[in-house]
């Protein structure tokens, strides 16, 4: 079971993502912005971060830059979710990009792809 941190300022979408993630057998943590996410990451070390790009306080792009700049968090896969282009997301070091609106099956496939290496490491 992987721990996935959802960073999304819109509560209905955050709740939907948590339902999908928990339905896939993973643990879902939630943060409303990048600053809160950094606090949670320092305490819990999630296996993957799923973050919206456009949020108040600290957006997903800055959150991703911060995580990829630190040796202790660089290895955490980051998937950015937004209506903006993938080029910007990849430019800050995001491991993957999911365009809004997205299909839930696409989200599940992406999570499975990025969590597979972590789950293999845990079983070794």
PDB file of N, CA and C in Angstrom:
ATOM      1  N   UNK A   1       0.849  -1.180   0.000  1.00  0.00           N
ATOM      2  CA  UNK A   1       0.000   0.000   0.000  1.00  0.00           C
ATOM      3  C   UNK A   1       0.891   1.239   0.000  1.00  0.00           C
ATOM      4  N   UNK A   2       0.687   2.086  -0.988  1.00  0.00           N
ATOM      5  CA  UNK A   2       1.456   3.320  -1.098  1.00  0.00           C
ATOM      6  C   UNK A   2       0.702   4.473  -0.441  1.00  0.00           C
ATOM      7  N   UNK A   3       1.453   5.470  -0.024  1.00  0.00           N
ATOM      8  CA  UNK A   3       0.865   6.691   0.522  1.00  0.00           C
ATOM      9  C   UNK A   3       0.986   7.782  -0.530  1.00  0.00           C
ATOM     10  N   UNK A   4      -0.147   8.353  -0.911  1.00  0.00           N
ATOM     11  CA  UNK A   4      -0.191   9.386  -1.944  1.00  0.00           C
ATOM     12  C   UNK A   4      -0.705  10.674  -1.328  1.00  0.00           C
ATOM     13  N   UNK A   5       0.045  11.740  -1.529  1.00  0.00           N
ATOM     14  CA  UNK A   5      -0.362  13.057  -1.044  1.00  0.00           C
ATOM     15  C   UNK A   5      -1.067  13.801  -2.165  1.00  0.00           C
ATOM     16  N   UNK A   6      -2.320  14.164  -1.926  1.00  0.00           N
ATOM     17  CA  UNK A   6      -3.121  14.953  -2.865  1.00  0.00           C
ATOM     18  C   UNK A   6      -3.007  16.407  -2.438  1.00  0.00           C
ATOM     19  N   UNK A   7      -2.559  17.263  -3.355  1.00  0.00           N
ATOM     20  CA  UNK A   7      -2.434  18.689  -3.056  1.00  0.00           C
ATOM     21  C   UNK A   7      -3.357  19.422  -4.027  1.00  0.00           C
ATOM     22  N   UNK A   8      -4.494  19.849  -3.527  1.00  0.00           N
ATOM     23  CA  UNK A   8      -5.549  20.431  -4.368  1.00  0.00           C
ATOM     24  C   UNK A   8      -6.367  21.382  -3.514  1.00  0.00           C
ATOM     25  N   UNK A   9      -6.587  22.599  -4.015  1.00  0.00           N
ATOM     26  CA  UNK A   9      -7.335  23.582  -3.232  1.00  0.00           C
ATOM     27  C   UNK A   9      -8.847  23.418  -3.355  1.00  0.00           C
ATOM     28  N   UNK A  10      -9.332  22.705  -4.352  1.00  0.00           N
ATOM     29  CA  UNK A  10     -10.769  22.501  -4.528  1.00  0.00           C
ATOM     30  C   UNK A  10     -11.195  21.226  -3.797  1.00  0.00           C
ATOM     31  N   UNK A  11     -11.936  21.407  -2.714  1.00  0.00           N
ATOM     32  CA  UNK A  11     -12.335  20.281  -1.856  1.00  0.00           C
ATOM     33  C   UNK A  11     -13.054  19.164  -2.601  1.00  0.00           C
ATOM     34  N   UNK A  12     -14.051  19.443  -3.474  1.00  0.00           N
ATOM     35  CA  UNK A  12     -14.737  18.329  -4.138  1.00  0.00           C
ATOM     36  C   UNK A  12     -13.781  17.457  -4.962  1.00  0.00           C
ATOM     37  N   UNK A  13     -12.854  18.089  -5.678  1.00  0.00           N
ATOM     38  CA  UNK A  13     -11.896  17.320  -6.468  1.00  0.00           C
ATOM     39  C   UNK A  13     -10.931  16.560  -5.559  1.00  0.00           C
ATOM     40  N   UNK A  14     -10.501  17.201  -4.488  1.00  0.00           N
ATOM     41  CA  UNK A  14      -9.606  16.548  -3.522  1.00  0.00           C
ATOM     42  C   UNK A  14     -10.282  15.298  -2.938  1.00  0.00           C
ATOM     43  N   UNK A  15     -11.548  15.423  -2.586  1.00  0.00           N
ATOM     44  CA  UNK A  15     -12.293  14.287  -2.032  1.00  0.00           C
ATOM     45  C   UNK A  15     -12.463  13.169  -3.061  1.00  0.00           C
ATOM     46  N   UNK A  16     -12.751  13.537  -4.318  1.00  0.00           N
ATOM     47  CA  UNK A  16     -12.897  12.543  -5.379  1.00  0.00           C
ATOM     48  C   UNK A  16     -11.587  11.791  -5.595  1.00  0.00           C
ATOM     49  N   UNK A  17     -10.485  12.525  -5.636  1.00  0.00           N
ATOM     50  CA  UNK A  17      -9.178  11.886  -5.813  1.00  0.00           C
ATOM     51  C   UNK A  17      -8.877  10.931  -4.660  1.00  0.00           C
ATOM     52  N   UNK A  18      -9.227  11.326  -3.449  1.00  0.00           N
ATOM     53  CA  UNK A  18      -9.005  10.460  -2.285  1.00  0.00           C
ATOM     54  C   UNK A  18      -9.816   9.172  -2.406  1.00  0.00           C
ATOM     55  N   UNK A  19     -11.048   9.277  -2.869  1.00  0.00           N
ATOM     56  CA  UNK A  19     -11.897   8.092  -3.050  1.00  0.00           C
ATOM     57  C   UNK A  19     -11.274   7.144  -4.069  1.00  0.00           C
ATOM     58  N   UNK A  20     -10.796   7.693  -5.185  1.00  0.00           N
ATOM     59  CA  UNK A  20     -10.177   6.872  -6.231  1.00  0.00           C
ATOM     60  C   UNK A  20      -8.910   6.199  -5.706  1.00  0.00           C
ATOM     61  N   UNK A  21      -8.076   6.967  -5.025  1.00  0.00           N
ATOM     62  CA  UNK A  21      -6.806   6.444  -4.507  1.00  0.00           C
ATOM     63  C   UNK A  21      -7.045   5.368  -3.453  1.00  0.00           C
ATOM     64  N   UNK A  22      -7.956   5.628  -2.530  1.00  0.00           N
ATOM     65  CA  UNK A  22      -8.255   4.640  -1.492  1.00  0.00           C
ATOM     66  C   UNK A  22      -8.942   3.412  -2.078  1.00  0.00           C
ATOM     67  N   UNK A  23      -9.750   3.623  -3.113  1.00  0.00           N
ATOM     68  CA  UNK A  23     -10.392   2.501  -3.793  1.00  0.00           C
ATOM     69  C   UNK A  23      -9.395   1.596  -4.497  1.00  0.00           C
ATOM     70  N   UNK A  24      -8.241   2.166  -4.858  1.00  0.00           N
ATOM     71  CA  UNK A  24      -7.175   1.384  -5.492  1.00  0.00           C
ATOM     72  C   UNK A  24      -6.267   0.727  -4.452  1.00  0.00           C
ATOM     73  N   UNK A  25      -6.617   0.886  -3.169  1.00  0.00           N
ATOM     74  CA  UNK A  25      -5.866   0.222  -2.117  1.00  0.00           C
ATOM     75  C   UNK A  25      -4.715   1.014  -1.528  1.00  0.00           C
ATOM     76  N   UNK A  26      -4.682   2.313  -1.802  1.00  0.00           N
ATOM     77  CA  UNK A  26      -3.610   3.159  -1.287  1.00  0.00           C
ATOM     78  C   UNK A  26      -4.126   4.066  -0.176  1.00  0.00           C
ATOM     79  N   UNK A  27      -3.203   4.648   0.549  1.00  0.00           N
ATOM     80  CA  UNK A  27      -3.533   5.619   1.601  1.00  0.00           C
ATOM     81  C   UNK A  27      -3.464   7.017   0.988  1.00  0.00           C
ATOM     82  N   UNK A  28      -4.487   7.822   1.212  1.00  0.00           N
ATOM     83  CA  UNK A  28      -4.532   9.181   0.674  1.00  0.00           C
ATOM     84  C   UNK A  28      -4.370  10.199   1.795  1.00  0.00           C
ATOM     85  N   UNK A  29      -3.397  11.080   1.631  1.00  0.00           N
ATOM     86  CA  UNK A  29      -3.239  12.240   2.508  1.00  0.00           C
ATOM     87  C   UNK A  29      -3.679  13.450   1.707  1.00  0.00           C
ATOM     88  N   UNK A  30      -4.152  14.495   2.390  1.00  0.00           N
ATOM     89  CA  UNK A  30      -4.651  15.666   1.678  1.00  0.00           C
ATOM     90  C   UNK A  30      -4.040  16.948   2.210  1.00  0.00           C
ATOM     91  N   UNK A  31      -3.733  17.854   1.274  1.00  0.00           N
ATOM     92  CA  UNK A  31      -3.263  19.195   1.611  1.00  0.00           C
ATOM     93  C   UNK A  31      -3.982  20.174   0.695  1.00  0.00           C
ATOM     94  N   UNK A  32      -4.257  21.373   1.207  1.00  0.00           N
ATOM     95  CA  UNK A  32      -4.989  22.369   0.426  1.00  0.00           C
ATOM     96  C   UNK A  32      -4.087  23.289  -0.384  1.00  0.00           C
ATOM     97  N   UNK A  33      -2.792  23.286  -0.109  1.00  0.00           N
ATOM     98  CA  UNK A  33      -1.852  24.106  -0.877  1.00  0.00           C
ATOM     99  C   UNK A  33      -0.440  23.557  -0.693  1.00  0.00           C
ATOM    100  N   UNK A  34       0.501  24.133  -1.420  1.00  0.00           N
ATOM    101  CA  UNK A  34       1.874  23.657  -1.379  1.00  0.00           C
ATOM    102  C   UNK A  34       2.547  23.802  -0.031  1.00  0.00           C
ATOM    103  N   UNK A  35       2.239  24.852   0.680  1.00  0.00           N
ATOM    104  CA  UNK A  35       2.858  25.042   1.996  1.00  0.00           C
ATOM    105  C   UNK A  35       2.439  23.930   2.956  1.00  0.00           C
ATOM    106  N   UNK A  36       1.146  23.645   2.984  1.00  0.00           N
ATOM    107  CA  UNK A  36       0.655  22.562   3.838  1.00  0.00           C
ATOM    108  C   UNK A  36       1.245  21.225   3.383  1.00  0.00           C
ATOM    109  N   UNK A  37       1.403  21.061   2.078  1.00  0.00           N
ATOM    110  CA  UNK A  37       1.997  19.831   1.549  1.00  0.00           C
ATOM    111  C   UNK A  37       3.423  19.645   2.048  1.00  0.00           C
ATOM    112  N   UNK A  38       4.220  20.710   2.035  1.00  0.00           N
ATOM    113  CA  UNK A  38       5.603  20.609   2.511  1.00  0.00           C
ATOM    114  C   UNK A  38       5.656  20.180   3.974  1.00  0.00           C
ATOM    115  N   UNK A  39       4.733  20.696   4.773  1.00  0.00           N
ATOM    116  CA  UNK A  39       4.677  20.303   6.187  1.00  0.00           C
ATOM    117  C   UNK A  39       4.348  18.814   6.326  1.00  0.00           C
ATOM    118  N   UNK A  40       3.385  18.339   5.537  1.00  0.00           N
ATOM    119  CA  UNK A  40       3.018  16.920   5.584  1.00  0.00           C
ATOM    120  C   UNK A  40       4.153  16.030   5.080  1.00  0.00           C
ATOM    121  N   UNK A  41       4.814  16.463   4.021  1.00  0.00           N
ATOM    122  CA  UNK A  41       5.912  15.678   3.450  1.00  0.00           C
ATOM    123  C   UNK A  41       7.041  15.531   4.461  1.00  0.00           C
ATOM    124  N   UNK A  42       7.313  16.577   5.213  1.00  0.00           N
ATOM    125  CA  UNK A  42       8.373  16.521   6.226  1.00  0.00           C
ATOM    126  C   UNK A  42       8.051  15.496   7.315  1.00  0.00           C
ATOM    127  N   UNK A  43       6.763  15.299   7.593  1.00  0.00           N
ATOM    128  CA  UNK A  43       6.347  14.366   8.651  1.00  0.00           C
ATOM    129  C   UNK A  43       6.078  12.952   8.157  1.00  0.00           C
ATOM    130  N   UNK A  44       5.620  12.805   6.905  1.00  0.00           N
ATOM    131  CA  UNK A  44       5.106  11.503   6.478  1.00  0.00           C
ATOM    132  C   UNK A  44       5.862  10.833   5.341  1.00  0.00           C
ATOM    133  N   UNK A  45       6.605  11.575   4.554  1.00  0.00           N
ATOM    134  CA  UNK A  45       7.344  11.032   3.403  1.00  0.00           C
ATOM    135  C   UNK A  45       6.435  10.156   2.519  1.00  0.00           C
ATOM    136  N   UNK A  46       5.530  10.785   1.734  1.00  0.00           N
ATOM    137  CA  UNK A  46       4.640  10.011   0.867  1.00  0.00           C
ATOM    138  C   UNK A  46       5.417   9.324  -0.257  1.00  0.00           C
ATOM    139  N   UNK A  47       4.789   8.334  -0.870  1.00  0.00           N
ATOM    140  CA  UNK A  47       5.400   7.617  -1.985  1.00  0.00           C
ATOM    141  C   UNK A  47       5.221   8.359  -3.302  1.00  0.00           C
ATOM    142  N   UNK A  48       4.236   9.262  -3.360  1.00  0.00           N
ATOM    143  CA  UNK A  48       3.950  10.019  -4.573  1.00  0.00           C
ATOM    144  C   UNK A  48       3.178  11.272  -4.184  1.00  0.00           C
ATOM    145  N   UNK A  49       3.406  12.353  -4.929  1.00  0.00           N
ATOM    146  CA  UNK A  49       2.671  13.604  -4.720  1.00  0.00           C
ATOM    147  C   UNK A  49       1.884  13.896  -5.990  1.00  0.00           C
ATOM    148  N   UNK A  50       0.592  14.113  -5.840  1.00  0.00           N
ATOM    149  CA  UNK A  50      -0.311  14.474  -6.926  1.00  0.00           C
ATOM    150  C   UNK A  50      -0.787  15.886  -6.629  1.00  0.00           C
ATOM    151  N   UNK A  51      -0.308  16.878  -7.405  1.00  0.00           N
ATOM    152  CA  UNK A  51      -0.552  18.278  -7.045  1.00  0.00           C
ATOM    153  C   UNK A  51      -1.121  19.089  -8.196  1.00  0.00           C
ATOM    154  N   UNK A  52      -2.084  19.931  -7.867  1.00  0.00           N
ATOM    155  CA  UNK A  52      -2.612  20.910  -8.806  1.00  0.00           C
ATOM    156  C   UNK A  52      -1.552  21.982  -9.023  1.00  0.00           C
ATOM    157  N   UNK A  53      -1.547  22.582 -10.193  1.00  0.00           N
ATOM    158  CA  UNK A  53      -0.577  23.636 -10.493  1.00  0.00           C
ATOM    159  C   UNK A  53      -1.008  24.963  -9.887  1.00  0.00           C
ATOM    160  N   UNK A  54      -2.270  25.319 -10.061  1.00  0.00           N
ATOM    161  CA  UNK A  54      -2.763  26.630  -9.644  1.00  0.00           C
ATOM    162  C   UNK A  54      -3.432  26.542  -8.276  1.00  0.00           C
ATOM    163  N   UNK A  55      -2.717  27.014  -7.242  1.00  0.00           N
ATOM    164  CA  UNK A  55      -3.249  27.021  -5.879  1.00  0.00           C
ATOM    165  C   UNK A  55      -2.784  28.286  -5.175  1.00  0.00           C
ATOM    166  N   UNK A  56      -3.551  28.732  -4.174  1.00  0.00           N
ATOM    167  CA  UNK A  56      -3.098  29.887  -3.389  1.00  0.00           C
ATOM    168  C   UNK A  56      -1.914  29.497  -2.494  1.00  0.00           C
ATOM    169  N   UNK A  57      -1.259  30.460  -1.946  1.00  0.00           N
ATOM    170  CA  UNK A  57      -0.139  30.321  -1.011  1.00  0.00           C
ATOM    171  C   UNK A  57       1.104  29.792  -1.720  1.00  0.00           C
ATOM    172  N   UNK A  58       1.136  28.525  -2.100  1.00  0.00           N
ATOM    173  CA  UNK A  58       2.269  27.932  -2.813  1.00  0.00           C
ATOM    174  C   UNK A  58       1.702  26.963  -3.833  1.00  0.00           C
ATOM    175  N   UNK A  59       1.886  27.277  -5.110  1.00  0.00           N
ATOM    176  CA  UNK A  59       1.327  26.463  -6.180  1.00  0.00           C
ATOM    177  C   UNK A  59       2.124  25.200  -6.444  1.00  0.00           C
ATOM    178  N   UNK A  60       1.591  24.364  -7.314  1.00  0.00           N
ATOM    179  CA  UNK A  60       2.212  23.088  -7.630  1.00  0.00           C
ATOM    180  C   UNK A  60       3.568  23.199  -8.293  1.00  0.00           C
ATOM    181  N   UNK A  61       3.763  24.214  -9.147  1.00  0.00           N
ATOM    182  CA  UNK A  61       5.066  24.382  -9.796  1.00  0.00           C
ATOM    183  C   UNK A  61       6.146  24.664  -8.765  1.00  0.00           C
ATOM    184  N   UNK A  62       5.865  25.584  -7.843  1.00  0.00           N
ATOM    185  CA  UNK A  62       6.843  25.903  -6.801  1.00  0.00           C
ATOM    186  C   UNK A  62       7.036  24.733  -5.839  1.00  0.00           C
ATOM    187  N   UNK A  63       5.978  24.020  -5.545  1.00  0.00           N
ATOM    188  CA  UNK A  63       6.090  22.833  -4.699  1.00  0.00           C
ATOM    189  C   UNK A  63       7.022  21.815  -5.357  1.00  0.00           C
ATOM    190  N   UNK A  64       6.819  21.575  -6.640  1.00  0.00           N
ATOM    191  CA  UNK A  64       7.646  20.617  -7.366  1.00  0.00           C
ATOM    192  C   UNK A  64       9.106  21.068  -7.391  1.00  0.00           C
ATOM    193  N   UNK A  65       9.340  22.340  -7.696  1.00  0.00           N
ATOM    194  CA  UNK A  65      10.714  22.869  -7.690  1.00  0.00           C
ATOM    195  C   UNK A  65      11.375  22.628  -6.337  1.00  0.00           C
ATOM    196  N   UNK A  66      10.632  22.909  -5.272  1.00  0.00           N
ATOM    197  CA  UNK A  66      11.153  22.738  -3.922  1.00  0.00           C
ATOM    198  C   UNK A  66      11.514  21.279  -3.653  1.00  0.00           C
ATOM    199  N   UNK A  67      10.629  20.364  -4.000  1.00  0.00           N
ATOM    200  CA  UNK A  67      10.874  18.943  -3.747  1.00  0.00           C
ATOM    201  C   UNK A  67      12.060  18.421  -4.551  1.00  0.00           C
ATOM    202  N   UNK A  68      12.167  18.828  -5.808  1.00  0.00           N
ATOM    203  CA  UNK A  68      13.240  18.330  -6.673  1.00  0.00           C
ATOM    204  C   UNK A  68      14.587  18.973  -6.347  1.00  0.00           C
ATOM    205  N   UNK A  69      14.582  20.093  -5.633  1.00  0.00           N
ATOM    206  CA  UNK A  69      15.827  20.780  -5.270  1.00  0.00           C
ATOM    207  C   UNK A  69      16.479  20.191  -4.021  1.00  0.00           C
ATOM    208  N   UNK A  70      15.735  19.424  -3.252  1.00  0.00           N
ATOM    209  CA  UNK A  70      16.263  18.870  -2.003  1.00  0.00           C
ATOM    210  C   UNK A  70      16.568  17.380  -2.165  1.00  0.00           C
ATOM    211  N   UNK A  71      17.748  16.986  -1.751  1.00  0.00           N
ATOM    212  CA  UNK A  71      18.150  15.581  -1.877  1.00  0.00           C
ATOM    213  C   UNK A  71      17.192  14.644  -1.150  1.00  0.00           C
ATOM    214  N   UNK A  72      16.654  15.076  -0.029  1.00  0.00           N
ATOM    215  CA  UNK A  72      15.786  14.206   0.775  1.00  0.00           C
ATOM    216  C   UNK A  72      14.423  13.943   0.138  1.00  0.00           C
ATOM    217  N   UNK A  73      13.988  14.806  -0.784  1.00  0.00           N
ATOM    218  CA  UNK A  73      12.668  14.631  -1.400  1.00  0.00           C
ATOM    219  C   UNK A  73      12.734  14.478  -2.918  1.00  0.00           C
ATOM    220  N   UNK A  74      13.900  14.571  -3.490  1.00  0.00           N
ATOM    221  CA  UNK A  74      14.068  14.519  -4.948  1.00  0.00           C
ATOM    222  C   UNK A  74      13.506  13.234  -5.548  1.00  0.00           C
ATOM    223  N   UNK A  75      13.577  12.135  -4.818  1.00  0.00           N
ATOM    224  CA  UNK A  75      13.133  10.850  -5.343  1.00  0.00           C
ATOM    225  C   UNK A  75      11.637  10.606  -5.284  1.00  0.00           C
ATOM    226  N   UNK A  76      10.887  11.508  -4.683  1.00  0.00           N
ATOM    227  CA  UNK A  76       9.429  11.341  -4.617  1.00  0.00           C
ATOM    228  C   UNK A  76       8.836  11.721  -5.970  1.00  0.00           C
ATOM    229  N   UNK A  77       8.154  10.798  -6.656  1.00  0.00           N
ATOM    230  CA  UNK A  77       7.528  11.161  -7.925  1.00  0.00           C
ATOM    231  C   UNK A  77       6.467  12.240  -7.713  1.00  0.00           C
ATOM    232  N   UNK A  78       6.450  13.218  -8.620  1.00  0.00           N
ATOM    233  CA  UNK A  78       5.468  14.304  -8.574  1.00  0.00           C
ATOM    234  C   UNK A  78       4.683  14.290  -9.873  1.00  0.00           C
ATOM    235  N   UNK A  79       3.365  14.202  -9.761  1.00  0.00           N
ATOM    236  CA  UNK A  79       2.474  14.324 -10.909  1.00  0.00           C
ATOM    237  C   UNK A  79       1.728  15.635 -10.745  1.00  0.00           C
ATOM    238  N   UNK A  80       1.894  16.531 -11.717  1.00  0.00           N
ATOM    239  CA  UNK A  80       1.189  17.809 -11.678  1.00  0.00           C
ATOM    240  C   UNK A  80      -0.086  17.698 -12.497  1.00  0.00           C
ATOM    241  N   UNK A  81      -1.150  18.280 -11.982  1.00  0.00           N
ATOM    242  CA  UNK A  81      -2.468  18.230 -12.604  1.00  0.00           C
ATOM    243  C   UNK A  81      -2.923  19.656 -12.856  1.00  0.00           C
ATOM    244  N   UNK A  82      -3.295  19.961 -14.114  1.00  0.00           N
ATOM    245  CA  UNK A  82      -3.759  21.314 -14.408  1.00  0.00           C
ATOM    246  C   UNK A  82      -4.302  21.412 -15.815  1.00  0.00           C
ATOM    247  N   UNK A  83      -4.933  22.534 -16.071  1.00  0.00           N
ATOM    248  CA  UNK A  83      -5.394  22.834 -17.413  1.00  0.00           C
ATOM    249  C   UNK A  83      -4.286  23.501 -18.227  1.00  0.00           C
ATOM    250  N   UNK A  84      -3.165  23.862 -17.594  1.00  0.00           N
ATOM    251  CA  UNK A  84      -2.042  24.473 -18.316  1.00  0.00           C
ATOM    252  C   UNK A  84      -1.189  23.392 -18.947  1.00  0.00           C
ATOM    253  N   UNK A  85      -0.302  23.783 -19.832  1.00  0.00           N
ATOM    254  CA  UNK A  85       0.479  22.835 -20.615  1.00  0.00           C
ATOM    255  C   UNK A  85       1.482  21.996 -19.858  1.00  0.00           C
ATOM    256  N   UNK A  86       1.748  20.829 -20.417  1.00  0.00           N
ATOM    257  CA  UNK A  86       2.693  19.881 -19.832  1.00  0.00           C
ATOM    258  C   UNK A  86       4.121  20.400 -19.873  1.00  0.00           C
ATOM    259  N   UNK A  87       4.448  21.222 -20.850  1.00  0.00           N
ATOM    260  CA  UNK A  87       5.818  21.720 -20.987  1.00  0.00           C
ATOM    261  C   UNK A  87       6.258  22.462 -19.727  1.00  0.00           C
ATOM    262  N   UNK A  88       5.375  23.272 -19.170  1.00  0.00           N
ATOM    263  CA  UNK A  88       5.703  24.016 -17.950  1.00  0.00           C
ATOM    264  C   UNK A  88       5.935  23.043 -16.798  1.00  0.00           C
ATOM    265  N   UNK A  89       5.077  22.051 -16.672  1.00  0.00           N
ATOM    266  CA  UNK A  89       5.199  21.080 -15.580  1.00  0.00           C
ATOM    267  C   UNK A  89       6.515  20.319 -15.667  1.00  0.00           C
ATOM    268  N   UNK A  90       6.871  19.885 -16.852  1.00  0.00           N
ATOM    269  CA  UNK A  90       8.117  19.132 -17.014  1.00  0.00           C
ATOM    270  C   UNK A  90       9.329  20.037 -16.824  1.00  0.00           C
ATOM    271  N   UNK A  91       9.179  21.314 -17.096  1.00  0.00           N
ATOM    272  CA  UNK A  91      10.271  22.260 -16.922  1.00  0.00           C
ATOM    273  C   UNK A  91      10.674  22.473 -15.475  1.00  0.00           C
ATOM    274  N   UNK A  92       9.808  22.146 -14.537  1.00  0.00           N
ATOM    275  CA  UNK A  92      10.146  22.292 -13.115  1.00  0.00           C
ATOM    276  C   UNK A  92      10.507  20.951 -12.482  1.00  0.00           C
ATOM    277  N   UNK A  93      10.609  19.918 -13.301  1.00  0.00           N
ATOM    278  CA  UNK A  93      11.037  18.625 -12.791  1.00  0.00           C
ATOM    279  C   UNK A  93       9.931  17.645 -12.471  1.00  0.00           C
ATOM    280  N   UNK A  94       8.696  17.953 -12.873  1.00  0.00           N
ATOM    281  CA  UNK A  94       7.597  17.013 -12.618  1.00  0.00           C
ATOM    282  C   UNK A  94       7.879  15.694 -13.329  1.00  0.00           C
ATOM    283  N   UNK A  95       7.514  14.613 -12.701  1.00  0.00           N
ATOM    284  CA  UNK A  95       7.718  13.299 -13.297  1.00  0.00           C
ATOM    285  C   UNK A  95       6.643  12.978 -14.328  1.00  0.00           C
ATOM    286  N   UNK A  96       5.477  13.574 -14.177  1.00  0.00           N
ATOM    287  CA  UNK A  96       4.384  13.346 -15.116  1.00  0.00           C
ATOM    288  C   UNK A  96       3.404  14.511 -15.028  1.00  0.00           C
ATOM    289  N   UNK A  97       2.533  14.592 -16.030  1.00  0.00           N
ATOM    290  CA  UNK A  97       1.542  15.659 -16.106  1.00  0.00           C
ATOM    291  C   UNK A  97       0.210  15.049 -16.492  1.00  0.00           C
ATOM    292  N   UNK A  98      -0.847  15.501 -15.849  1.00  0.00           N
ATOM    293  CA  UNK A  98      -2.201  15.047 -16.133  1.00  0.00           C
ATOM    294  C   UNK A  98      -3.052  16.276 -16.395  1.00  0.00           C
ATOM    295  N   UNK A  99      -3.613  16.359 -17.599  1.00  0.00           N
ATOM    296  CA  UNK A  99      -4.393  17.534 -17.983  1.00  0.00           C
ATOM    297  C   UNK A  99      -5.815  17.440 -17.444  1.00  0.00           C
ATOM    298  N   UNK A 100      -6.306  18.569 -16.913  1.00  0.00           N
ATOM    299  CA  UNK A 100      -7.703  18.666 -16.481  1.00  0.00           C
ATOM    300  C   UNK A 100      -8.546  19.060 -17.682  1.00  0.00           C
ATOM    301  N   UNK A 101      -9.725  18.564 -17.820  1.00  0.00           N
ATOM    302  CA  UNK A 101     -10.315  17.471 -17.046  1.00  0.00           C
ATOM    303  C   UNK A 101      -9.663  16.150 -17.455  1.00  0.00           C
ATOM    304  N   UNK A 102      -9.592  15.206 -16.539  1.00  0.00           N
ATOM    305  CA  UNK A 102      -8.941  13.937 -16.828  1.00  0.00           C
ATOM    306  C   UNK A 102      -9.904  12.786 -16.579  1.00  0.00           C
ATOM    307  N   UNK A 103      -9.601  11.681 -17.200  1.00  0.00           N
ATOM    308  CA  UNK A 103     -10.360  10.448 -17.051  1.00  0.00           C
ATOM    309  C   UNK A 103      -9.812   9.695 -15.841  1.00  0.00           C
ATOM    310  N   UNK A 104     -10.675   9.185 -14.990  1.00  0.00           N
ATOM    311  CA  UNK A 104     -10.229   8.485 -13.783  1.00  0.00           C
ATOM    312  C   UNK A 104      -9.382   7.260 -14.107  1.00  0.00           C
ATOM    313  N   UNK A 105      -9.681   6.586 -15.210  1.00  0.00           N
ATOM    314  CA  UNK A 105      -8.870   5.427 -15.605  1.00  0.00           C
ATOM    315  C   UNK A 105      -7.453   5.872 -15.958  1.00  0.00           C
ATOM    316  N   UNK A 106      -7.338   7.035 -16.582  1.00  0.00           N
ATOM    317  CA  UNK A 106      -6.017   7.582 -16.911  1.00  0.00           C
ATOM    318  C   UNK A 106      -5.241   7.897 -15.629  1.00  0.00           C
ATOM    319  N   UNK A 107      -5.924   8.470 -14.643  1.00  0.00           N
ATOM    320  CA  UNK A 107      -5.289   8.754 -13.356  1.00  0.00           C
ATOM    321  C   UNK A 107      -4.808   7.463 -12.701  1.00  0.00           C
ATOM    322  N   UNK A 108      -5.662   6.456 -12.655  1.00  0.00           N
ATOM    323  CA  UNK A 108      -5.291   5.184 -12.029  1.00  0.00           C
ATOM    324  C   UNK A 108      -4.092   4.549 -12.728  1.00  0.00           C
ATOM    325  N   UNK A 109      -4.064   4.598 -14.068  1.00  0.00           N
ATOM    326  CA  UNK A 109      -2.934   4.032 -14.818  1.00  0.00           C
ATOM    327  C   UNK A 109      -1.645   4.788 -14.516  1.00  0.00           C
ATOM    328  N   UNK A 110      -1.738   6.106 -14.411  1.00  0.00           N
ATOM    329  CA  UNK A 110      -0.554   6.905 -14.119  1.00  0.00           C
ATOM    330  C   UNK A 110      -0.040   6.622 -12.710  1.00  0.00           C
ATOM    331  N   UNK A 111      -0.935   6.522 -11.752  1.00  0.00           N
ATOM    332  CA  UNK A 111      -0.519   6.203 -10.381  1.00  0.00           C
ATOM    333  C   UNK A 111       0.163   4.840 -10.332  1.00  0.00           C
ATOM    334  N   UNK A 112      -0.420   3.873 -11.008  1.00  0.00           N
ATOM    335  CA  UNK A 112       0.150   2.528 -11.020  1.00  0.00           C
ATOM    336  C   UNK A 112       1.548   2.541 -11.640  1.00  0.00           C
ATOM    337  N   UNK A 113       1.708   3.291 -12.711  1.00  0.00           N
ATOM    338  CA  UNK A 113       3.011   3.367 -13.386  1.00  0.00           C
ATOM    339  C   UNK A 113       4.076   3.943 -12.464  1.00  0.00           C
ATOM    340  N   UNK A 114       3.748   5.024 -11.761  1.00  0.00           N
ATOM    341  CA  UNK A 114       4.749   5.700 -10.936  1.00  0.00           C
ATOM    342  C   UNK A 114       4.930   5.058  -9.575  1.00  0.00           C
ATOM    343  N   UNK A 115       3.964   4.281  -9.135  1.00  0.00           N
ATOM    344  CA  UNK A 115       4.105   3.603  -7.845  1.00  0.00           C
ATOM    345  C   UNK A 115       4.756   2.231  -7.977  1.00  0.00           C
ATOM    346  N   UNK A 116       4.755   1.654  -9.154  1.00  0.00           N
ATOM    347  CA  UNK A 116       5.323   0.318  -9.348  1.00  0.00           C
ATOM    348  C   UNK A 116       6.770   0.214  -8.874  1.00  0.00           C
ATOM    349  N   UNK A 117       7.665   1.157  -9.219  1.00  0.00           N
ATOM    350  CA  UNK A 117       9.048   1.039  -8.723  1.00  0.00           C
ATOM    351  C   UNK A 117       9.133   1.088  -7.196  1.00  0.00           C
ATOM    352  N   UNK A 118       8.344   1.930  -6.557  1.00  0.00           N
ATOM    353  CA  UNK A 118       8.369   2.046  -5.093  1.00  0.00           C
ATOM    354  C   UNK A 118       7.865   0.764  -4.443  1.00  0.00           C
ATOM    355  N   UNK A 119       6.832   0.178  -5.013  1.00  0.00           N
ATOM    356  CA  UNK A 119       6.289  -1.053  -4.449  1.00  0.00           C
ATOM    357  C   UNK A 119       7.255  -2.215  -4.642  1.00  0.00           C
ATOM    358  N   UNK A 120       7.996  -2.224  -5.755  1.00  0.00           N
ATOM    359  CA  UNK A 120       9.005  -3.261  -5.973  1.00  0.00           C
ATOM    360  C   UNK A 120      10.127  -3.123  -4.957  1.00  0.00           C
ATOM    361  N   UNK A 121      10.530  -1.898  -4.649  1.00  0.00           N
ATOM    362  CA  UNK A 121      11.578  -1.656  -3.654  1.00  0.00           C
ATOM    363  C   UNK A 121      11.144  -2.149  -2.278  1.00  0.00           C
ATOM    364  N   UNK A 122       9.867  -1.949  -1.930  1.00  0.00           N
ATOM    365  CA  UNK A 122       9.368  -2.352  -0.616  1.00  0.00           C
ATOM    366  C   UNK A 122       9.304  -3.865  -0.479  1.00  0.00           C
ATOM    367  N   UNK A 123       9.057  -4.574  -1.585  1.00  0.00           N
ATOM    368  CA  UNK A 123       8.948  -6.026  -1.515  1.00  0.00           C
ATOM    369  C   UNK A 123      10.309  -6.706  -1.575  1.00  0.00           C
ATOM    370  N   UNK A 124      11.342  -5.960  -1.932  1.00  0.00           N
ATOM    371  CA  UNK A 124      12.691  -6.553  -2.045  1.00  0.00           C
ATOM    372  C   UNK A 124      13.339  -6.741  -0.698  1.00  0.00           C
TER     373      UNK A 124
END
